[in-house]
Protein backbone atom coordinates (compact mmCIF):
# COMPACT_ATOMS: atom_id res chain seq x y z
CA MET A 1 187.18 90.49 60.34
CA ILE A 2 185.98 89.75 56.80
CA LYS A 3 182.24 90.36 56.54
CA VAL A 4 180.61 88.77 53.51
CA ALA A 5 177.09 89.61 52.29
CA PHE A 6 175.85 86.25 50.99
CA TYR A 7 173.08 86.80 48.43
CA ASP A 8 170.42 84.39 47.13
CA THR A 9 170.92 82.04 50.07
CA ARG A 10 169.38 78.56 49.88
CA GLU A 11 169.13 75.86 52.54
CA TYR A 12 171.93 73.88 50.92
CA ASP A 13 174.12 77.02 50.86
CA ARG A 14 173.79 77.46 54.60
CA ALA A 15 174.62 73.81 55.22
CA SER A 16 177.77 74.11 53.10
CA PHE A 17 179.04 77.52 54.26
CA GLU A 18 178.06 77.66 57.93
CA PRO A 19 180.92 75.31 58.97
CA PHE A 20 183.31 78.07 57.81
CA GLU A 21 181.55 80.75 59.85
CA GLY A 22 184.02 82.44 62.20
CA LYS A 23 187.01 80.47 60.95
CA ASN A 24 189.87 82.67 59.73
CA ASP A 25 187.69 85.57 60.89
CA ILE A 26 185.15 85.18 58.05
CA HIS A 27 181.55 86.05 58.91
CA PHE A 28 178.60 85.61 56.53
CA ARG A 29 175.51 87.79 56.38
CA PHE A 30 173.07 85.35 54.78
CA LEU A 31 170.44 87.08 52.63
CA GLU A 32 167.60 85.36 50.80
CA THR A 33 167.22 88.13 48.23
CA LYS A 34 169.19 88.25 44.98
CA LEU A 35 171.77 90.95 44.40
CA ASN A 36 170.58 93.72 42.12
CA GLU A 37 170.39 97.51 42.05
CA ASP A 38 167.59 97.50 44.63
CA THR A 39 169.29 95.18 47.13
CA VAL A 40 172.95 96.16 46.82
CA GLU A 41 172.64 98.50 49.82
CA LEU A 42 172.23 95.42 52.05
CA ALA A 43 175.98 94.83 51.60
CA ARG A 44 176.93 98.07 53.34
CA GLY A 45 179.48 97.41 56.05
CA CYS A 46 180.75 94.26 54.33
CA SER A 47 184.11 93.71 52.68
CA ALA A 48 182.83 91.23 50.11
CA VAL A 49 179.70 89.85 48.50
CA CYS A 50 179.11 86.22 47.58
CA VAL A 51 176.81 85.73 44.59
CA PHE A 52 175.34 83.01 42.38
CA VAL A 53 174.28 82.64 38.74
CA ASN A 54 171.11 84.76 38.83
CA ASP A 55 172.46 87.67 40.85
CA THR A 56 172.93 90.89 38.86
CA VAL A 57 176.41 92.38 39.01
CA ASN A 58 176.14 95.12 36.39
CA ALA A 59 177.93 98.46 36.20
CA ALA A 60 175.46 100.20 38.51
CA VAL A 61 175.76 97.49 41.17
CA ILE A 62 179.55 97.51 40.88
CA ASP A 63 179.71 101.28 41.29
CA HIS A 64 177.51 101.06 44.38
CA LEU A 65 179.62 98.26 45.86
CA HIS A 66 182.76 100.29 45.23
CA GLU A 67 181.23 103.37 46.84
CA MET A 68 180.40 101.34 49.97
CA GLY A 69 183.94 99.99 50.22
CA VAL A 70 183.16 96.44 49.11
CA ARG A 71 186.39 95.10 47.65
CA LEU A 72 185.45 91.66 46.36
CA VAL A 73 182.73 89.85 44.42
CA ALA A 74 183.06 86.11 45.09
CA LEU A 75 181.08 83.98 42.66
CA ARG A 76 180.19 80.56 44.03
CA CYS A 77 179.92 79.17 40.50
CA ALA A 78 182.05 78.85 37.38
CA GLY A 79 180.10 81.03 34.94
CA TYR A 80 180.28 84.81 35.18
CA ASN A 81 178.11 86.08 32.32
CA ASN A 82 176.06 87.97 34.94
CA VAL A 83 179.09 90.09 35.91
CA ASP A 84 180.24 93.19 34.02
CA VAL A 85 183.94 92.40 34.31
CA HIS A 86 184.94 95.51 32.36
CA SER A 87 183.20 97.76 34.87
CA ALA A 88 184.72 95.81 37.75
CA PHE A 89 188.29 96.52 36.68
CA GLY A 90 189.93 98.97 39.05
CA LYS A 91 186.97 98.91 41.45
CA VAL A 92 186.21 95.46 42.82
CA HIS A 93 188.03 92.18 42.38
CA VAL A 94 186.01 89.27 41.01
CA VAL A 95 186.77 85.60 41.68
CA HIS A 96 184.94 82.42 40.74
CA VAL A 97 184.98 78.65 41.27
CA PRO A 98 186.30 77.29 37.97
CA ALA A 99 185.85 73.63 38.90
CA TYR A 100 183.74 72.25 41.73
CA SER A 101 182.64 68.88 40.40
CA PRO A 102 182.71 68.51 36.65
CA TYR A 103 181.43 64.97 37.24
CA ALA A 104 178.21 66.34 38.76
CA VAL A 105 177.28 68.36 35.67
CA ALA A 106 178.42 65.76 33.13
CA GLU A 107 176.55 62.98 34.94
CA HIS A 108 173.39 65.08 35.11
CA ALA A 109 173.58 65.69 31.36
CA ILE A 110 173.73 61.94 30.83
CA ALA A 111 170.89 61.41 33.31
CA LEU A 112 168.68 63.84 31.38
CA LEU A 113 169.63 62.18 28.11
CA LEU A 114 168.91 58.65 29.34
CA THR A 115 165.64 59.73 30.92
CA SER A 116 164.49 61.36 27.69
CA VAL A 117 165.63 58.72 25.22
CA ARG A 118 164.38 55.74 27.25
CA ARG A 119 161.19 57.51 28.39
CA VAL A 120 161.97 56.81 32.06
CA HIS A 121 159.91 59.78 33.27
CA LYS A 122 156.86 58.60 31.36
CA ALA A 123 157.21 55.03 32.60
CA TYR A 124 157.58 56.26 36.18
CA ASN A 125 154.35 58.25 35.99
CA ARG A 126 152.49 55.38 34.32
CA THR A 127 153.42 52.67 36.77
CA ARG A 128 152.41 54.84 39.72
CA ASP A 129 148.91 54.59 38.23
CA PHE A 130 149.43 50.82 37.68
CA ASN A 131 149.59 51.37 33.93
CA PHE A 132 152.16 48.90 32.64
CA SER A 133 151.63 49.46 28.92
CA LEU A 134 154.76 49.86 26.80
CA ASN A 135 153.04 51.85 24.08
CA GLY A 136 154.92 55.05 23.29
CA LEU A 137 157.98 54.12 25.36
CA THR A 138 160.28 53.02 22.52
CA GLY A 139 163.70 54.65 22.70
CA PHE A 140 166.96 54.12 20.83
CA ASP A 141 170.40 52.71 21.59
CA PHE A 142 173.20 55.09 22.46
CA HIS A 143 175.70 52.64 20.99
CA GLY A 144 176.83 53.74 17.54
CA LYS A 145 175.16 57.15 17.69
CA THR A 146 177.11 60.34 17.02
CA VAL A 147 177.16 62.87 19.84
CA GLY A 148 178.37 66.40 19.19
CA VAL A 149 179.91 68.08 22.21
CA VAL A 150 180.23 71.87 22.18
CA GLY A 151 182.92 72.87 24.66
CA THR A 152 185.69 70.52 25.78
CA GLY A 153 186.68 71.90 29.15
CA LYS A 154 186.66 69.62 32.18
CA ILE A 155 182.91 69.01 32.08
CA GLY A 156 182.83 68.46 28.34
CA ARG A 157 185.71 65.97 28.44
CA ILE A 158 184.13 63.98 31.27
CA PHE A 159 180.87 63.92 29.32
CA ILE A 160 182.84 62.64 26.32
CA ASP A 161 184.40 59.85 28.41
CA ILE A 162 180.95 58.74 29.57
CA CYS A 163 179.61 58.79 26.01
CA ARG A 164 182.53 56.69 24.82
CA GLY A 165 181.67 54.19 27.54
CA PHE A 166 178.27 53.79 25.88
CA GLY A 167 179.99 53.09 22.56
CA MET A 168 179.01 56.43 21.04
CA HIS A 169 181.03 58.19 18.36
CA VAL A 170 182.12 61.62 19.63
CA ILE A 171 182.81 64.75 17.63
CA ALA A 172 183.43 68.13 19.23
CA TYR A 173 183.77 71.83 18.65
CA ASP A 174 185.79 74.24 20.76
CA MET A 175 187.37 77.58 19.90
CA PHE A 176 190.41 76.36 21.85
CA PRO A 177 190.80 72.62 21.16
CA ALA A 178 192.43 70.49 23.86
CA LYS A 179 195.83 69.40 22.62
CA ASP A 180 196.69 65.69 22.47
CA SER A 181 193.22 64.79 23.72
CA GLY A 182 192.33 62.29 21.03
CA ILE A 183 189.10 64.20 20.43
CA GLU A 184 187.86 64.57 16.86
CA TYR A 185 187.32 68.30 16.42
CA VAL A 186 185.09 69.57 13.62
CA SER A 187 183.57 72.89 12.63
CA LEU A 188 180.37 73.95 14.34
CA ASP A 189 178.40 73.54 11.12
CA GLU A 190 179.71 70.00 10.65
CA LEU A 191 178.83 69.17 14.24
CA PHE A 192 175.27 70.39 13.66
CA THR A 193 174.83 68.33 10.48
CA ARG A 194 176.40 65.07 11.72
CA SER A 195 175.18 64.75 15.31
CA ASP A 196 172.32 62.60 16.54
CA ILE A 197 172.72 64.23 19.94
CA ILE A 198 174.15 67.68 20.73
CA SER A 199 175.28 68.56 24.25
CA LEU A 200 176.37 72.07 25.25
CA HIS A 201 179.24 72.54 27.72
CA CYS A 202 180.58 75.99 26.87
CA PRO A 203 180.37 79.37 28.62
CA LEU A 204 177.89 82.05 27.60
CA THR A 205 179.63 84.89 25.76
CA ASP A 206 178.73 87.32 23.00
CA ASP A 207 180.06 84.73 20.54
CA THR A 208 178.08 81.80 21.92
CA ARG A 209 174.76 83.50 22.74
CA HIS A 210 171.94 81.80 20.76
CA MET A 211 174.38 79.30 19.33
CA ILE A 212 171.33 77.11 18.90
CA SER A 213 169.15 79.25 16.66
CA LYS A 214 166.67 78.91 13.81
CA ASP A 215 169.53 78.77 11.32
CA SER A 216 171.54 76.18 13.22
CA ILE A 217 168.49 73.96 13.85
CA GLU A 218 167.80 73.91 10.11
CA LYS A 219 171.25 72.34 9.61
CA MET A 220 170.60 69.54 12.12
CA LYS A 221 169.41 66.01 11.54
CA LYS A 222 165.69 65.40 11.85
CA GLY A 223 165.06 64.04 15.34
CA VAL A 224 168.20 65.49 16.94
CA VAL A 225 168.29 65.53 20.74
CA ILE A 226 169.61 68.75 22.31
CA VAL A 227 171.03 68.81 25.86
CA ASN A 228 171.93 72.00 27.73
CA THR A 229 173.41 71.94 31.24
CA SER A 230 175.52 75.06 30.74
CA ARG A 231 173.76 78.42 30.30
CA GLY A 232 170.25 79.10 29.04
CA GLY A 233 171.32 81.90 26.70
CA LEU A 234 173.14 79.41 24.48
CA ILE A 235 169.74 78.45 23.06
CA ASP A 236 167.20 80.71 21.40
CA ALA A 237 164.19 79.23 23.21
CA GLU A 238 161.69 80.47 20.59
CA ALA A 239 163.69 78.78 17.83
CA LEU A 240 163.89 75.60 19.89
CA LEU A 241 160.12 75.62 20.39
CA GLU A 242 159.55 75.99 16.65
CA GLY A 243 162.04 73.19 15.98
CA LEU A 244 160.09 70.94 18.34
CA LYS A 245 156.75 71.87 16.76
CA GLU A 246 158.10 71.14 13.29
CA ARG A 247 159.42 67.73 14.51
CA LYS A 248 162.92 68.77 13.45
CA VAL A 249 164.13 68.54 17.06
CA GLY A 250 163.28 65.13 18.49
CA ALA A 251 163.78 66.05 22.14
CA ALA A 252 165.27 68.70 24.40
CA CYS A 253 166.85 68.20 27.82
CA LEU A 254 167.26 71.51 29.61
CA ASP A 255 168.73 72.23 33.02
CA VAL A 256 168.94 75.94 32.22
CA TYR A 257 166.70 78.51 30.56
CA GLU A 258 167.49 81.96 29.22
CA GLU A 259 164.88 83.76 31.35
CA GLU A 260 165.30 81.59 34.45
CA ALA A 261 166.43 84.33 36.84
CA ASP A 262 163.02 85.01 38.42
CA ILE A 263 161.71 81.45 38.06
CA PHE A 264 164.30 78.80 38.88
CA PHE A 265 165.24 77.98 42.48
CA GLU A 266 161.73 78.98 43.60
CA ASP A 267 158.54 77.02 44.33
CA ARG A 268 156.08 78.26 41.73
CA SER A 269 153.66 75.35 42.06
CA GLY A 270 150.88 77.47 43.53
CA HIS A 271 151.15 80.25 40.97
CA ILE A 272 150.43 80.87 37.32
CA LEU A 273 153.74 80.91 35.47
CA ASN A 274 154.11 84.26 33.70
CA ASP A 275 156.36 82.84 31.02
CA ASP A 276 154.36 81.44 28.13
CA LEU A 277 157.43 80.14 26.32
CA LEU A 278 158.67 78.08 29.27
CA SER A 279 155.14 76.85 29.94
CA LEU A 280 154.89 75.60 26.36
CA LEU A 281 158.27 73.90 26.51
CA ILE A 282 157.45 72.13 29.77
CA SER A 283 154.09 71.00 28.39
CA MET A 284 155.71 69.13 25.52
CA PRO A 285 156.11 65.35 26.00
CA ASN A 286 159.60 65.32 24.49
CA VAL A 287 161.03 68.10 26.66
CA ILE A 288 162.57 67.59 30.10
CA VAL A 289 163.33 70.64 32.24
CA THR A 290 165.19 70.55 35.53
CA SER A 291 165.75 73.68 37.58
CA HIS A 292 169.49 74.32 37.24
CA GLN A 293 170.34 71.39 39.48
CA ALA A 294 173.17 69.79 37.51
CA PHE A 295 175.74 71.08 40.02
CA LEU A 296 173.76 69.91 43.05
CA THR A 297 175.71 67.06 44.63
CA GLN A 298 177.21 66.78 48.09
CA GLU A 299 180.70 66.73 46.63
CA ALA A 300 180.13 69.79 44.47
CA LEU A 301 178.59 71.82 47.31
CA HIS A 302 181.55 71.01 49.56
CA ASN A 303 184.04 71.99 46.87
CA ILE A 304 182.15 75.20 46.05
CA ALA A 305 182.16 76.30 49.69
CA ASN A 306 185.78 75.35 50.25
CA THR A 307 187.06 77.07 47.09
CA THR A 308 184.94 80.18 47.66
CA VAL A 309 186.30 80.60 51.18
CA GLU A 310 189.87 80.05 49.93
CA ASN A 311 189.28 82.66 47.21
CA ILE A 312 188.08 85.19 49.78
CA LEU A 313 191.01 84.56 52.09
CA SER A 314 193.49 84.80 49.21
CA CYS A 315 192.13 88.20 48.19
CA PHE A 316 192.36 89.59 51.71
CA ASN A 317 195.78 88.24 52.65
CA ASN A 318 199.03 90.23 52.38
CA ASP A 319 199.64 89.95 48.63
CA GLY A 320 195.96 89.66 47.68
CA ILE A 321 196.64 87.35 44.75
CA CYS A 322 194.03 84.73 43.90
CA ASP A 323 194.53 82.19 41.13
CA ASN A 324 190.78 82.17 40.52
CA GLU A 325 190.46 85.89 39.86
CA LEU A 326 188.81 86.59 36.52
CA CYS A 327 190.59 88.27 33.65
CA TYR A 328 189.12 91.75 33.19
CA ARG A 329 190.26 92.12 29.55
CA CYS A 330 191.81 95.40 30.62
CA GLY A 331 193.52 95.98 27.27
CA HIS A 332 197.04 95.88 28.71
CA MET A 333 197.85 92.33 27.62
CA ASP A 334 201.46 93.25 26.87
CA GLN A 335 201.83 94.20 30.54
CA CYS A 336 199.42 91.65 32.02
CA ARG A 337 199.83 91.67 35.78
CA LYS A 338 197.74 88.51 36.11
CA LYS A 339 200.23 86.57 33.99
CA ARG A 340 203.01 87.89 36.19
CA LYS A 341 201.14 86.60 39.26
CA GLU A 342 200.52 90.10 40.53
CA ARG A 343 197.34 91.84 41.61
CA CYS A 344 195.41 93.09 38.57
CA PHE A 345 194.88 96.41 40.36
């Protein structure tokens, strides 16, 4: 029997994962709390933990998991910036879901962009009060505008295809450009200076943290629209706020926020929000914030559950090899077991 402590459980998680309960001898212990140093003990007696974007899997948590005999951390998401992969090496295996529905995230980015540029949210609120004035609702055409796409993985390339369908000119930056893609790659500085719209589709790493900063905003066109459906830490929120106040940034469309861990996925409507920066951003008429919902489609949830279960089964079968296991940057690249399709440890 494979017992899995399932942290940060939501209603949609249960609906997606419960059909797998008992199949192939997998059993889930659904927990509403997030994984952190205070809650890790709840996984005692389990072989694996299943975690999401705002769970904390730092060195202390990993050591505790290892001590309890937990062998696997199964992320039900693509990003893993919340996992200390270096500490995990030799202790617990870590797997993720590299692609669940790139269409879901790319389409949500476009939805945010269209809503912002064409003032759909404002018009919706007005007409509910029978206010049919058009004052202040003027937008701009997508056609002919330059969109800068940072990150050209599956999501980024689908976003590019959609933008091209609108007749937009696309430029992109990626540390590892996609070969033979027909994408016009430019430097990051050139992307900042040329783009009317900038959309982020890259992972959060030490190199990309605060990619959007005071310095980078100064290089941008006046009125630039910034879209982030990737990770909140890509944007220095204080710098973004100043850019909005100075009218340098024309609009911001955010599905993620750097300090979202204790805020997003929760109903805070009856409480005072103890985050002045987020409160100020949300209060601005040219900022749209959604609560990390870009992934939330029926197709994506099904694929997340299916891939996560397959990852768990792969790690506990005879050879224990899973194609979706993360690279631990162990320093033995000349003898990389992962490249040889062997267990990393």
